[in-house]
Structure formats: C-alpha cells, structure tokens
C-alpha cells in the first residue's frame, strides 16, 4: 500500500511541477490546459493500465500516448452524433468505466486461479 501511495505522490508532484511551469510561461490558461490534459488523457488510461504488470514509468508514458490517440478519437466519433461537449464527457465516462470493468474482470479471473 505504501508503494502505491508513493507512486501517486510522485505523479502528483510531476503534475504540480508541470502546472507551475506552464503557469509561469502561459498563465492561468496554460495551467488549466495541463490539468485538462492530465485529467482527460492520462488519468483514464492510467486507470486501465494500472491493472497490468507495468512499472510506474511505463504506465505514465503509455497512458499519455494511448490517451492522446484513444480519447480524441472516441470523442470525435461520439461527437458526430451529439454535441462535442457532451461527447467529451461521455468519452471520459466510458474510459473510466472501462478501467473499472477491466479491474473487476481481472480480479474475477484471479479468484478462479486461486480456487
């Protein structure tokens, strides 16, 4: 449990440092943009990748690059049917739910192996 807390504390420090850097360079808009990128691109993919045996660095890098491809694509295709603001929210919710469903599915499989 302590290792997991260290991992999230490290991610928080990186996020705060990036937000501070972009605040000084671009102002409040830059800081909010970094926060949005983290929440929309990195967080849902990190939740999904957290279910697999990857190191912290691998999860962070993969979650960024996968998130940059998956989230906008999903929002775009949903946005063809409804408004883009709603599509962004729905895409975020879909990815969060996918992370929880993958965790739940893997935990059920782990329970079968131990039985």
N, C-alpha and C. Protein backbone atom coordinates (compact mmCIF):
# COMPACT_ATOMS: atom_id res chain seq x y z
N UNK A 1 0.82 -1.20 0.00
CA UNK A 1 0.00 0.00 0.00
C UNK A 1 0.87 1.26 0.00
N UNK A 2 2.00 1.21 0.72
CA UNK A 2 2.88 2.37 0.76
C UNK A 2 3.51 2.65 -0.59
N UNK A 3 3.83 1.59 -1.33
CA UNK A 3 4.42 1.76 -2.66
C UNK A 3 3.43 2.43 -3.60
N UNK A 4 2.15 2.07 -3.47
CA UNK A 4 1.11 2.69 -4.30
C UNK A 4 0.95 4.17 -3.94
N UNK A 5 1.03 4.49 -2.66
CA UNK A 5 0.93 5.89 -2.24
C UNK A 5 2.12 6.69 -2.76
N UNK A 6 3.32 6.11 -2.74
CA UNK A 6 4.50 6.78 -3.28
C UNK A 6 4.33 7.05 -4.77
N UNK A 7 3.73 6.07 -5.47
CA UNK A 7 3.52 6.23 -6.91
C UNK A 7 2.59 7.41 -7.19
N UNK A 8 1.49 7.48 -6.46
CA UNK A 8 0.56 8.58 -6.68
C UNK A 8 1.12 9.92 -6.20
N UNK A 9 1.95 9.89 -5.16
CA UNK A 9 2.57 11.12 -4.71
C UNK A 9 3.56 11.62 -5.76
N UNK A 10 4.29 10.70 -6.39
CA UNK A 10 5.21 11.08 -7.46
C UNK A 10 4.47 11.67 -8.64
N UNK A 11 3.34 11.07 -9.00
CA UNK A 11 2.54 11.61 -10.11
C UNK A 11 2.01 12.99 -9.76
N UNK A 12 1.60 13.18 -8.51
CA UNK A 12 1.10 14.48 -8.08
C UNK A 12 2.18 15.55 -8.13
N UNK A 13 3.39 15.19 -7.74
CA UNK A 13 4.49 16.15 -7.78
C UNK A 13 4.81 16.54 -9.22
N UNK A 14 4.80 15.55 -10.13
CA UNK A 14 5.04 15.84 -11.54
C UNK A 14 3.95 16.76 -12.09
N UNK A 15 2.69 16.48 -11.74
CA UNK A 15 1.58 17.30 -12.20
C UNK A 15 1.69 18.73 -11.67
N UNK A 16 2.00 18.89 -10.41
CA UNK A 16 2.13 20.22 -9.82
C UNK A 16 3.29 20.98 -10.46
N UNK A 17 4.40 20.30 -10.69
CA UNK A 17 5.55 20.95 -11.32
C UNK A 17 5.20 21.38 -12.75
N UNK A 18 4.51 20.53 -13.49
CA UNK A 18 4.12 20.89 -14.87
C UNK A 18 3.13 22.05 -14.85
N UNK A 19 2.19 22.02 -13.92
CA UNK A 19 1.21 23.12 -13.84
C UNK A 19 1.90 24.43 -13.48
N UNK A 20 2.85 24.39 -12.55
CA UNK A 20 3.56 25.61 -12.17
C UNK A 20 4.39 26.14 -13.33
N UNK A 21 5.08 25.25 -14.04
CA UNK A 21 5.88 25.66 -15.19
C UNK A 21 5.01 26.35 -16.24
N UNK A 22 3.91 25.72 -16.60
CA UNK A 22 3.05 26.30 -17.63
C UNK A 22 2.31 27.54 -17.13
N UNK A 23 2.10 27.65 -15.80
CA UNK A 23 1.50 28.87 -15.27
C UNK A 23 2.46 30.05 -15.45
N UNK A 24 3.73 29.82 -15.18
CA UNK A 24 4.70 30.91 -15.32
C UNK A 24 4.96 31.26 -16.78
N UNK A 25 4.86 30.29 -17.67
CA UNK A 25 5.10 30.54 -19.09
C UNK A 25 3.86 31.10 -19.79
N UNK A 26 2.70 30.46 -19.58
CA UNK A 26 1.49 30.81 -20.33
C UNK A 26 0.35 31.37 -19.49
N UNK A 27 0.54 31.45 -18.19
CA UNK A 27 -0.51 31.99 -17.34
C UNK A 27 -1.52 30.93 -16.94
N UNK A 28 -2.67 31.42 -16.50
CA UNK A 28 -3.71 30.53 -15.99
C UNK A 28 -4.23 29.58 -17.07
N UNK A 29 -4.32 30.03 -18.31
CA UNK A 29 -4.80 29.17 -19.40
C UNK A 29 -3.86 27.99 -19.62
N UNK A 30 -2.56 28.21 -19.53
CA UNK A 30 -1.60 27.12 -19.68
C UNK A 30 -1.71 26.12 -18.55
N UNK A 31 -1.90 26.61 -17.32
CA UNK A 31 -2.03 25.72 -16.18
C UNK A 31 -3.29 24.87 -16.30
N UNK A 32 -4.39 25.48 -16.68
CA UNK A 32 -5.64 24.74 -16.83
C UNK A 32 -5.54 23.73 -17.98
N UNK A 33 -4.82 24.08 -19.03
CA UNK A 33 -4.64 23.15 -20.14
C UNK A 33 -3.88 21.90 -19.70
N UNK A 34 -2.83 22.07 -18.91
CA UNK A 34 -2.07 20.92 -18.41
C UNK A 34 -2.95 20.06 -17.52
N UNK A 35 -3.73 20.69 -16.67
CA UNK A 35 -4.64 19.94 -15.80
C UNK A 35 -5.66 19.17 -16.63
N UNK A 36 -6.20 19.80 -17.68
CA UNK A 36 -7.16 19.13 -18.55
C UNK A 36 -6.54 17.96 -19.29
N UNK A 37 -5.34 18.14 -19.78
CA UNK A 37 -4.64 17.05 -20.48
C UNK A 37 -4.44 15.87 -19.53
N UNK A 38 -4.03 16.18 -18.31
CA UNK A 38 -3.82 15.12 -17.34
C UNK A 38 -5.13 14.39 -17.03
N UNK A 39 -6.19 15.14 -16.78
CA UNK A 39 -7.45 14.52 -16.40
C UNK A 39 -8.11 13.75 -17.54
N UNK A 40 -8.02 14.27 -18.75
CA UNK A 40 -8.72 13.64 -19.87
C UNK A 40 -7.89 12.58 -20.58
N UNK A 41 -6.60 12.79 -20.72
CA UNK A 41 -5.77 11.85 -21.48
C UNK A 41 -5.10 10.83 -20.58
N UNK A 42 -4.43 11.29 -19.55
CA UNK A 42 -3.58 10.41 -18.77
C UNK A 42 -4.36 9.61 -17.73
N UNK A 43 -5.24 10.25 -16.98
CA UNK A 43 -5.91 9.58 -15.85
C UNK A 43 -6.73 8.35 -16.27
N UNK A 44 -7.61 8.43 -17.27
CA UNK A 44 -8.38 7.23 -17.62
C UNK A 44 -7.50 6.09 -18.12
N UNK A 45 -6.51 6.41 -18.94
CA UNK A 45 -5.63 5.36 -19.45
C UNK A 45 -4.76 4.77 -18.35
N UNK A 46 -4.35 5.60 -17.40
CA UNK A 46 -3.56 5.10 -16.28
C UNK A 46 -4.40 4.15 -15.44
N UNK A 47 -5.69 4.46 -15.29
CA UNK A 47 -6.59 3.58 -14.56
C UNK A 47 -6.69 2.22 -15.25
N UNK A 48 -6.74 2.23 -16.57
CA UNK A 48 -6.81 0.97 -17.33
C UNK A 48 -5.48 0.23 -17.25
N UNK A 49 -4.37 0.93 -17.47
CA UNK A 49 -3.05 0.27 -17.46
C UNK A 49 -2.61 -0.15 -16.07
N UNK A 50 -3.23 0.40 -15.03
CA UNK A 50 -2.88 0.05 -13.66
C UNK A 50 -3.23 -1.41 -13.36
N UNK A 51 -4.06 -2.01 -14.18
CA UNK A 51 -4.47 -3.40 -13.98
C UNK A 51 -3.42 -4.39 -14.46
N UNK A 52 -2.40 -3.93 -15.16
CA UNK A 52 -1.41 -4.81 -15.74
C UNK A 52 -0.07 -4.61 -15.05
N UNK A 53 0.79 -5.58 -15.16
CA UNK A 53 2.10 -5.55 -14.50
C UNK A 53 3.07 -4.68 -15.29
N UNK A 54 2.98 -3.39 -15.09
CA UNK A 54 3.89 -2.44 -15.72
C UNK A 54 4.52 -1.58 -14.64
N UNK A 55 5.69 -1.07 -14.92
CA UNK A 55 6.32 -0.16 -13.96
C UNK A 55 5.62 1.19 -14.01
N UNK A 56 5.88 2.01 -13.02
CA UNK A 56 5.24 3.32 -12.94
C UNK A 56 5.56 4.17 -14.16
N UNK A 57 6.82 4.15 -14.57
CA UNK A 57 7.23 4.94 -15.73
C UNK A 57 6.53 4.48 -17.00
N UNK A 58 6.44 3.17 -17.18
CA UNK A 58 5.76 2.63 -18.36
C UNK A 58 4.30 3.03 -18.37
N UNK A 59 3.64 2.95 -17.21
CA UNK A 59 2.23 3.34 -17.13
C UNK A 59 2.04 4.80 -17.50
N UNK A 60 2.92 5.66 -17.00
CA UNK A 60 2.78 7.10 -17.28
C UNK A 60 2.97 7.40 -18.77
N UNK A 61 4.01 6.87 -19.36
CA UNK A 61 4.30 7.15 -20.77
C UNK A 61 3.24 6.53 -21.67
N UNK A 62 2.92 5.26 -21.43
CA UNK A 62 1.92 4.60 -22.26
C UNK A 62 0.55 5.25 -22.11
N UNK A 63 0.20 5.64 -20.88
CA UNK A 63 -1.11 6.26 -20.69
C UNK A 63 -1.22 7.59 -21.42
N UNK A 64 -0.12 8.33 -21.49
CA UNK A 64 -0.17 9.59 -22.24
C UNK A 64 -0.36 9.33 -23.73
N UNK A 65 0.48 8.47 -24.29
CA UNK A 65 0.42 8.26 -25.74
C UNK A 65 -0.84 7.52 -26.18
N UNK A 66 -1.27 6.55 -25.39
CA UNK A 66 -2.52 5.87 -25.73
C UNK A 66 -3.69 6.83 -25.56
N UNK A 67 -3.66 7.62 -24.50
CA UNK A 67 -4.73 8.60 -24.25
C UNK A 67 -4.83 9.64 -25.34
N UNK A 68 -3.69 10.06 -25.88
CA UNK A 68 -3.70 11.05 -26.96
C UNK A 68 -4.37 10.49 -28.21
N UNK A 69 -4.31 9.18 -28.39
CA UNK A 69 -4.94 8.57 -29.56
C UNK A 69 -6.38 8.15 -29.31
N UNK A 70 -6.63 7.54 -28.17
CA UNK A 70 -7.93 6.95 -27.91
C UNK A 70 -8.98 7.99 -27.54
N UNK A 71 -8.68 8.86 -26.60
CA UNK A 71 -9.69 9.80 -26.11
C UNK A 71 -10.20 10.74 -27.21
N UNK A 72 -9.33 11.41 -27.97
CA UNK A 72 -9.87 12.29 -29.01
C UNK A 72 -10.63 11.52 -30.10
N UNK A 73 -10.17 10.31 -30.42
CA UNK A 73 -10.87 9.52 -31.43
C UNK A 73 -12.27 9.15 -30.97
N UNK A 74 -12.37 8.71 -29.73
CA UNK A 74 -13.67 8.36 -29.17
C UNK A 74 -14.58 9.58 -29.09
N UNK A 75 -14.04 10.71 -28.64
CA UNK A 75 -14.83 11.93 -28.55
C UNK A 75 -15.28 12.40 -29.94
N UNK A 76 -14.42 12.25 -30.93
CA UNK A 76 -14.76 12.66 -32.29
C UNK A 76 -15.93 11.84 -32.84
N UNK A 77 -15.84 10.52 -32.69
CA UNK A 77 -16.89 9.67 -33.25
C UNK A 77 -18.21 9.84 -32.51
N UNK A 78 -18.16 10.00 -31.22
CA UNK A 78 -19.39 10.27 -30.48
C UNK A 78 -19.90 11.66 -30.82
N UNK A 79 -18.98 12.61 -31.04
CA UNK A 79 -19.34 13.98 -31.40
C UNK A 79 -20.02 14.09 -32.75
N UNK A 80 -19.89 13.09 -33.59
CA UNK A 80 -20.61 13.08 -34.86
C UNK A 80 -22.11 12.90 -34.64
N UNK A 81 -22.47 12.33 -33.50
CA UNK A 81 -23.88 12.06 -33.22
C UNK A 81 -24.51 13.11 -32.31
N UNK A 82 -23.72 13.64 -31.38
CA UNK A 82 -24.23 14.62 -30.42
C UNK A 82 -23.24 15.78 -30.34
N UNK A 83 -23.49 16.73 -29.46
CA UNK A 83 -22.58 17.87 -29.33
C UNK A 83 -21.23 17.42 -28.79
N UNK A 84 -20.19 18.18 -29.13
CA UNK A 84 -18.84 17.78 -28.74
C UNK A 84 -18.60 17.92 -27.24
N UNK A 85 -19.24 18.88 -26.58
CA UNK A 85 -19.08 18.98 -25.13
C UNK A 85 -19.61 17.72 -24.45
N UNK A 86 -20.78 17.29 -24.88
CA UNK A 86 -21.35 16.06 -24.31
C UNK A 86 -20.50 14.85 -24.70
N UNK A 87 -19.96 14.84 -25.92
CA UNK A 87 -19.13 13.73 -26.38
C UNK A 87 -17.86 13.61 -25.54
N UNK A 88 -17.28 14.73 -25.15
CA UNK A 88 -16.08 14.71 -24.31
C UNK A 88 -16.39 14.10 -22.96
N UNK A 89 -17.49 14.50 -22.37
CA UNK A 89 -17.89 13.96 -21.06
C UNK A 89 -18.21 12.48 -21.17
N UNK A 90 -18.94 12.09 -22.21
CA UNK A 90 -19.30 10.69 -22.39
C UNK A 90 -18.05 9.84 -22.64
N UNK A 91 -17.10 10.34 -23.42
CA UNK A 91 -15.86 9.62 -23.67
C UNK A 91 -15.09 9.40 -22.38
N UNK A 92 -15.01 10.43 -21.56
CA UNK A 92 -14.33 10.32 -20.27
C UNK A 92 -14.99 9.26 -19.40
N UNK A 93 -16.31 9.28 -19.33
CA UNK A 93 -17.04 8.32 -18.50
C UNK A 93 -16.85 6.90 -19.04
N UNK A 94 -16.89 6.74 -20.36
CA UNK A 94 -16.69 5.42 -20.96
C UNK A 94 -15.31 4.86 -20.60
N UNK A 95 -14.29 5.69 -20.67
CA UNK A 95 -12.93 5.21 -20.36
C UNK A 95 -12.77 4.89 -18.88
N UNK A 96 -13.38 5.67 -18.01
CA UNK A 96 -13.32 5.39 -16.57
C UNK A 96 -14.04 4.08 -16.28
N UNK A 97 -15.22 3.89 -16.86
CA UNK A 97 -15.96 2.65 -16.65
C UNK A 97 -15.18 1.46 -17.21
N UNK A 98 -14.52 1.64 -18.35
CA UNK A 98 -13.71 0.56 -18.92
C UNK A 98 -12.59 0.16 -17.96
N UNK A 99 -11.97 1.14 -17.32
CA UNK A 99 -10.92 0.82 -16.34
C UNK A 99 -11.45 0.01 -15.18
N UNK A 100 -12.62 0.37 -14.66
CA UNK A 100 -13.20 -0.38 -13.55
C UNK A 100 -13.64 -1.78 -13.98
N UNK A 101 -14.20 -1.89 -15.19
CA UNK A 101 -14.63 -3.20 -15.68
C UNK A 101 -13.44 -4.13 -15.91
N UNK A 102 -12.35 -3.60 -16.44
CA UNK A 102 -11.15 -4.42 -16.63
C UNK A 102 -10.62 -4.89 -15.28
N UNK A 103 -10.58 -4.00 -14.31
CA UNK A 103 -10.10 -4.39 -12.97
C UNK A 103 -11.01 -5.46 -12.38
N UNK A 104 -12.29 -5.28 -12.53
CA UNK A 104 -13.25 -6.25 -11.99
C UNK A 104 -13.09 -7.61 -12.69
N UNK A 105 -12.95 -7.59 -14.00
CA UNK A 105 -12.78 -8.82 -14.76
C UNK A 105 -11.49 -9.55 -14.38
N UNK A 106 -10.41 -8.80 -14.24
CA UNK A 106 -9.14 -9.42 -13.88
C UNK A 106 -9.17 -9.97 -12.46
N UNK A 107 -9.87 -9.28 -11.54
CA UNK A 107 -9.97 -9.78 -10.18
C UNK A 107 -10.79 -11.06 -10.13
N UNK A 108 -11.82 -11.18 -10.98
CA UNK A 108 -12.59 -12.43 -11.02
C UNK A 108 -11.73 -13.57 -11.54
N UNK A 109 -10.91 -13.27 -12.57
CA UNK A 109 -10.02 -14.31 -13.10
C UNK A 109 -8.97 -14.72 -12.07
N UNK A 110 -8.49 -13.77 -11.30
CA UNK A 110 -7.50 -14.09 -10.27
C UNK A 110 -8.13 -14.98 -9.20
N UNK A 111 -9.39 -14.73 -8.87
CA UNK A 111 -10.08 -15.56 -7.88
C UNK A 111 -10.24 -16.99 -8.34
N UNK A 112 -10.45 -17.19 -9.65
CA UNK A 112 -10.59 -18.55 -10.19
C UNK A 112 -9.28 -19.30 -10.13
N UNK A 113 -8.17 -18.59 -10.33
CA UNK A 113 -6.86 -19.24 -10.30
C UNK A 113 -6.52 -19.71 -8.90
N UNK A 114 -6.92 -18.94 -7.89
CA UNK A 114 -6.56 -19.28 -6.52
C UNK A 114 -7.48 -20.36 -5.95
N UNK A 115 -8.61 -20.60 -6.57
CA UNK A 115 -9.57 -21.58 -6.04
C UNK A 115 -9.15 -23.00 -6.33
